[in-house]
Amino acid sequence: MTNLLRLFKDTYVDSVVQLGGMRAMREVAGVRWASAVMATPANVEALQAEGMHASDLANAGANDFCLAVRADSAEYAEQALDAGTAAIFTSREPTTERAGQHIRSVRQAVAAQRGSNVAVISVPGEYAGLAAFQALSAGLHVLLFSDNVPVEKEIALKSYARSKGLLVMGPGAGTAMLTGTCLGFANVVTPCLETAVASGGAYGARSRRPDAFGRRADRPGRGRFHRPGRGDPRAHPRDRRRRSPGRGGA
């Protein structure tokens, strides 16, 4: 059995892309376990618990990205790391029409892609609140994929969004479906033949719960147009009274 790790210094990869890289590595023959994470202290500890060598992580920091794999042989492990690298960094290559653009802010992104109305935010939790406020200020609804956002900041975000007639899904919103478009990840459902109002929607405190509700509601064949995930129930007074943290409804 071989454990290998590949570290990319000063490289940020968001959680959605990390999942794609991890999936690519796990599909390689002979791979027993694989992970794609930012080298935060908690993740470094978890990697060491999986058998990664402490020396390989000695210089790793929270702004570094790493791929880790356990495989039946060194050859399989290298193949998996190559597959993960290709999956992640190929997806980061700019398209021809945007190759010359360097987007550094939400405002620049909106200017480069006019007509956008939803921002998907997947950055470390300490920066997520600021990015979400910027998106709301630009008139965008927000799917906040990031977690580790303080409850107080979440309440402030949602209060601000409400004052502007906008929706904040998250933090920790890993899945949503809006007018048939999947954000994050989502299950395939039957295309809806009715209007969003007639068809209905699901709205829950944890995004995977409305996703599960959507799958069940889809069984008769009606389809779902809207399936947003709301985020942390601790930020909602009714949920604090009626549900324990992590429990939601649709």
Protein backbone atom coordinates (compact mmCIF):
# COMPACT_ATOMS: atom_id res chain seq x y z
CA MET A 1 0.00 0.00 0.00
CA THR A 2 1.35 3.44 -0.97
CA ASN A 3 0.40 6.86 0.41
CA LEU A 4 1.29 9.85 -1.76
CA LEU A 5 0.58 13.55 -1.49
CA ARG A 6 1.00 16.39 -3.97
CA LEU A 7 1.12 19.96 -2.61
CA PHE A 8 0.38 23.10 -4.63
CA LYS A 9 1.69 26.20 -2.86
CA ASP A 10 -0.37 29.40 -2.83
CA THR A 11 -3.16 27.78 -4.84
CA TYR A 12 -6.82 28.13 -3.91
CA VAL A 13 -9.31 25.59 -5.26
CA ASP A 14 -12.96 25.92 -4.30
CA SER A 15 -14.91 23.04 -2.81
CA VAL A 16 -16.94 22.24 -5.93
CA VAL A 17 -13.77 21.77 -8.02
CA GLN A 18 -12.15 19.80 -5.19
CA LEU A 19 -14.98 17.27 -5.40
CA GLY A 20 -14.33 16.80 -9.11
CA GLY A 21 -10.63 16.14 -8.49
CA MET A 22 -11.36 13.69 -5.68
CA ARG A 23 -13.84 11.83 -7.89
CA ALA A 24 -11.29 11.60 -10.71
CA MET A 25 -8.68 10.10 -8.38
CA ARG A 26 -11.07 7.56 -6.90
CA GLU A 27 -11.97 6.30 -10.36
CA VAL A 28 -8.37 5.17 -11.01
CA ALA A 29 -7.77 1.44 -10.66
CA GLY A 30 -6.06 0.37 -7.44
CA VAL A 31 -7.03 3.48 -5.46
CA ARG A 32 -8.30 2.76 -1.95
CA TRP A 33 -8.79 6.32 -0.72
CA ALA A 34 -8.28 9.85 -2.08
CA SER A 35 -8.85 13.41 -0.99
CA ALA A 36 -8.55 16.93 -2.41
CA VAL A 37 -8.45 19.68 0.22
CA MET A 38 -6.98 23.00 1.23
CA ALA A 39 -4.19 22.49 3.74
CA THR A 40 -5.93 24.08 6.72
CA PRO A 41 -4.76 22.91 10.15
CA ALA A 42 -7.84 20.68 10.53
CA ASN A 43 -7.35 19.13 7.09
CA VAL A 44 -3.63 18.58 7.69
CA GLU A 45 -4.50 16.73 10.89
CA ALA A 46 -7.05 14.62 9.03
CA LEU A 47 -4.55 13.79 6.28
CA GLN A 48 -1.99 12.66 8.84
CA ALA A 49 -4.65 10.49 10.46
CA GLU A 50 -5.10 8.83 7.05
CA GLY A 51 -1.40 7.99 6.94
CA MET A 52 0.09 10.91 5.02
CA HIS A 53 3.66 11.65 6.08
CA ALA A 54 4.06 14.61 8.40
CA SER A 55 7.22 15.64 6.54
CA ASP A 56 5.21 16.10 3.31
CA LEU A 57 2.90 18.51 5.13
CA ALA A 58 5.49 20.32 7.22
CA ASN A 59 5.47 23.44 5.03
CA ALA A 60 1.77 23.32 4.14
CA GLY A 61 -0.41 26.31 4.95
CA ALA A 62 -4.06 27.24 4.71
CA ASN A 63 -3.47 28.92 1.33
CA ASP A 64 -2.02 25.73 -0.17
CA PHE A 65 -3.94 23.01 -1.97
CA CYS A 66 -3.14 19.32 -1.81
CA LEU A 67 -4.11 16.02 -3.35
CA ALA A 68 -3.67 12.85 -1.31
CA VAL A 69 -4.13 9.23 -2.28
CA ARG A 70 -3.74 5.72 -0.92
CA ALA A 71 -3.35 3.03 -3.58
CA ASP A 72 -2.19 -0.54 -4.06
CA SER A 73 1.07 0.60 -5.64
CA ALA A 74 3.15 3.71 -6.25
CA GLU A 75 2.25 3.50 -9.95
CA TYR A 76 -1.49 3.58 -9.23
CA ALA A 77 -0.98 6.42 -6.75
CA GLU A 78 0.91 8.54 -9.30
CA GLN A 79 -1.78 7.86 -11.91
CA ALA A 80 -4.44 9.00 -9.46
CA LEU A 81 -2.57 12.21 -8.60
CA ASP A 82 -2.14 12.94 -12.31
CA ALA A 83 -5.86 12.35 -12.88
CA GLY A 84 -6.79 14.64 -10.00
CA THR A 85 -4.40 17.35 -11.19
CA ALA A 86 -5.81 17.20 -14.72
CA ALA A 87 -9.42 17.30 -13.52
CA ILE A 88 -8.85 20.31 -11.29
CA PHE A 89 -6.53 22.48 -13.30
CA THR A 90 -8.06 21.83 -16.70
CA SER A 91 -11.33 23.17 -15.29
CA ARG A 92 -9.48 26.35 -14.23
CA GLU A 93 -8.24 27.18 -17.73
CA PRO A 94 -10.05 30.25 -19.11
CA THR A 95 -12.18 29.95 -22.23
CA THR A 96 -10.89 31.61 -25.38
CA GLU A 97 -13.31 34.55 -25.10
CA ARG A 98 -12.19 35.28 -21.51
CA ALA A 99 -8.54 34.31 -21.75
CA GLY A 100 -7.41 37.93 -21.51
CA GLN A 101 -9.62 38.81 -18.56
CA HIS A 102 -8.38 38.75 -14.98
CA ILE A 103 -11.38 38.77 -12.66
CA ARG A 104 -10.40 39.84 -9.15
CA SER A 105 -13.69 40.92 -7.60
CA VAL A 106 -17.43 40.34 -7.66
CA ARG A 107 -17.91 43.73 -9.31
CA GLN A 108 -15.54 42.79 -12.14
CA ALA A 109 -17.30 39.46 -12.59
CA VAL A 110 -20.70 41.16 -12.89
CA ALA A 111 -19.29 43.65 -15.41
CA ALA A 112 -17.80 40.80 -17.46
CA GLN A 113 -20.99 38.73 -17.42
CA ARG A 114 -23.92 41.13 -17.52
CA GLY A 115 -27.34 39.66 -16.91
CA SER A 116 -26.15 37.45 -14.05
CA ASN A 117 -28.56 37.28 -11.12
CA VAL A 118 -27.05 34.60 -8.84
CA ALA A 119 -23.56 34.44 -7.33
CA VAL A 120 -22.14 31.10 -6.16
CA ILE A 121 -19.60 31.81 -3.41
CA SER A 122 -17.07 29.17 -2.43
CA VAL A 123 -14.17 30.75 -0.57
CA PRO A 124 -12.77 30.17 2.93
CA GLY A 125 -15.32 31.04 5.60
CA GLU A 126 -13.37 34.04 6.89
CA TYR A 127 -13.77 35.75 3.48
CA ALA A 128 -17.20 34.40 2.55
CA GLY A 129 -19.22 37.04 4.39
CA LEU A 130 -17.50 39.91 2.59
CA ALA A 131 -17.91 38.25 -0.81
CA ALA A 132 -21.60 37.63 -0.09
CA PHE A 133 -22.16 41.26 0.93
CA GLN A 134 -20.47 42.39 -2.29
CA ALA A 135 -22.70 40.11 -4.35
CA LEU A 136 -25.86 41.34 -2.61
CA SER A 137 -24.76 44.94 -3.11
CA ALA A 138 -24.47 44.17 -6.83
CA GLY A 139 -28.09 42.96 -6.83
CA LEU A 140 -27.31 39.23 -6.96
CA HIS A 141 -28.98 36.41 -5.09
CA VAL A 142 -26.37 34.30 -3.27
CA LEU A 143 -25.69 30.58 -3.03
CA LEU A 144 -23.17 30.50 -0.18
CA PHE A 145 -21.38 27.18 -0.60
CA SER A 146 -18.79 28.16 2.02
CA ASP A 147 -19.19 27.03 5.60
CA ASN A 148 -17.62 28.22 8.87
CA VAL A 149 -19.44 31.55 8.55
CA PRO A 150 -20.33 32.91 12.03
CA VAL A 151 -24.05 32.86 12.81
CA GLU A 152 -24.00 36.60 13.56
CA LYS A 153 -22.62 37.30 10.09
CA GLU A 154 -25.19 34.99 8.52
CA ILE A 155 -28.01 36.87 10.25
CA ALA A 156 -26.58 40.18 9.03
CA LEU A 157 -26.32 38.84 5.48
CA LYS A 158 -29.89 37.58 5.41
CA SER A 159 -31.26 40.73 6.96
CA TYR A 160 -29.46 42.78 4.31
CA ALA A 161 -30.68 40.44 1.56
CA ARG A 162 -34.26 40.73 2.78
CA SER A 163 -34.06 44.52 2.72
CA LYS A 164 -33.06 44.31 -0.95
CA GLY A 165 -35.58 41.62 -1.90
CA LEU A 166 -32.84 39.03 -2.46
CA LEU A 167 -32.27 35.46 -1.28
CA VAL A 168 -29.23 34.03 0.51
CA MET A 169 -28.94 30.25 0.33
CA GLY A 170 -26.41 28.94 2.83
CA PRO A 171 -23.89 29.02 4.42
CA GLY A 172 -23.02 25.41 3.68
CA ALA A 173 -25.50 25.26 0.79
CA GLY A 174 -24.06 22.49 -1.35
CA THR A 175 -27.03 22.01 -3.66
CA ALA A 176 -29.81 24.05 -5.20
CA MET A 177 -31.95 24.03 -8.33
CA LEU A 178 -33.38 27.25 -9.76
CA THR A 179 -35.55 27.16 -12.88
CA GLY A 180 -34.06 23.80 -13.73
CA THR A 181 -30.43 24.94 -13.34
CA CYS A 182 -28.31 23.02 -10.82
CA LEU A 183 -26.01 24.98 -8.51
CA GLY A 184 -23.39 22.98 -6.62
CA PHE A 185 -24.73 19.46 -7.10
CA ALA A 186 -28.27 18.19 -7.53
CA ASN A 187 -30.23 15.13 -8.58
CA VAL A 188 -31.83 14.81 -11.99
CA VAL A 189 -35.60 15.40 -11.96
CA THR A 190 -38.27 15.53 -14.62
CA PRO A 191 -38.41 18.87 -16.49
CA CYS A 192 -41.37 20.86 -15.20
CA LEU A 193 -44.12 21.57 -17.72
CA GLU A 194 -45.90 24.10 -15.52
CA THR A 195 -45.00 27.48 -14.14
CA ALA A 196 -42.83 27.72 -11.06
CA VAL A 197 -45.79 28.84 -8.98
CA ALA A 198 -48.06 26.03 -10.15
CA SER A 199 -45.35 23.43 -9.75
CA GLY A 200 -44.20 24.57 -6.33
CA GLY A 201 -40.83 24.39 -4.72
CA ALA A 202 -38.92 23.21 -1.68
CA TYR A 203 -37.16 25.42 0.86
CA GLY A 204 -35.20 23.92 3.72
CA ALA A 205 -32.71 24.59 6.48
CA ARG A 206 -30.21 22.16 5.01
CA SER A 207 -29.87 22.06 1.25
CA ARG A 208 -29.74 18.27 0.99
CA ARG A 209 -33.12 17.99 2.72
CA PRO A 210 -35.02 19.95 0.06
CA ASP A 211 -32.97 18.01 -2.50
CA ALA A 212 -34.30 14.76 -1.04
CA PHE A 213 -37.78 16.28 -0.87
CA GLY A 214 -37.47 17.25 -4.52
CA ARG A 215 -36.61 13.69 -5.52
CA ARG A 216 -39.67 12.36 -3.69
CA ALA A 217 -41.94 15.08 -5.06
CA ASP A 218 -40.69 14.27 -8.55
CA ARG A 219 -41.92 10.68 -8.40
CA PRO A 220 -45.41 11.52 -9.70
CA GLY A 221 -43.67 13.23 -12.64
CA ARG A 222 -44.60 16.85 -11.90
CA GLY A 223 -41.01 18.10 -11.76
CA ARG A 224 -39.53 20.89 -9.62
CA PHE A 225 -38.47 24.32 -10.75
CA HIS A 226 -37.06 25.76 -7.51
CA ARG A 227 -35.23 23.87 -4.77
CA PRO A 228 -33.09 26.31 -2.77
CA GLY A 229 -31.10 25.35 0.33
CA ARG A 230 -31.43 27.91 3.10
CA GLY A 231 -28.39 27.28 5.28
CA ASP A 232 -27.79 27.18 9.01
CA PRO A 233 -31.07 26.83 10.97
CA ARG A 234 -29.44 28.54 13.95
CA ALA A 235 -29.94 31.86 12.18
CA HIS A 236 -33.72 31.45 12.11
CA PRO A 237 -35.69 31.92 15.36
CA ARG A 238 -38.45 29.46 14.46
CA ASP A 239 -35.87 26.79 13.70
CA ARG A 240 -34.14 27.46 17.03
CA ARG A 241 -37.40 26.74 18.81
CA ARG A 242 -38.56 23.75 16.85
CA ARG A 243 -35.46 22.01 15.56
CA SER A 244 -32.08 21.05 16.81
CA PRO A 245 -29.07 22.35 14.80
CA GLY A 246 -28.63 20.44 11.58
CA ARG A 247 -32.28 19.43 11.36
CA GLY A 248 -34.38 21.10 8.72
CA GLY A 249 -37.64 20.80 6.87
CA ALA A 250 -39.02 21.50 3.45
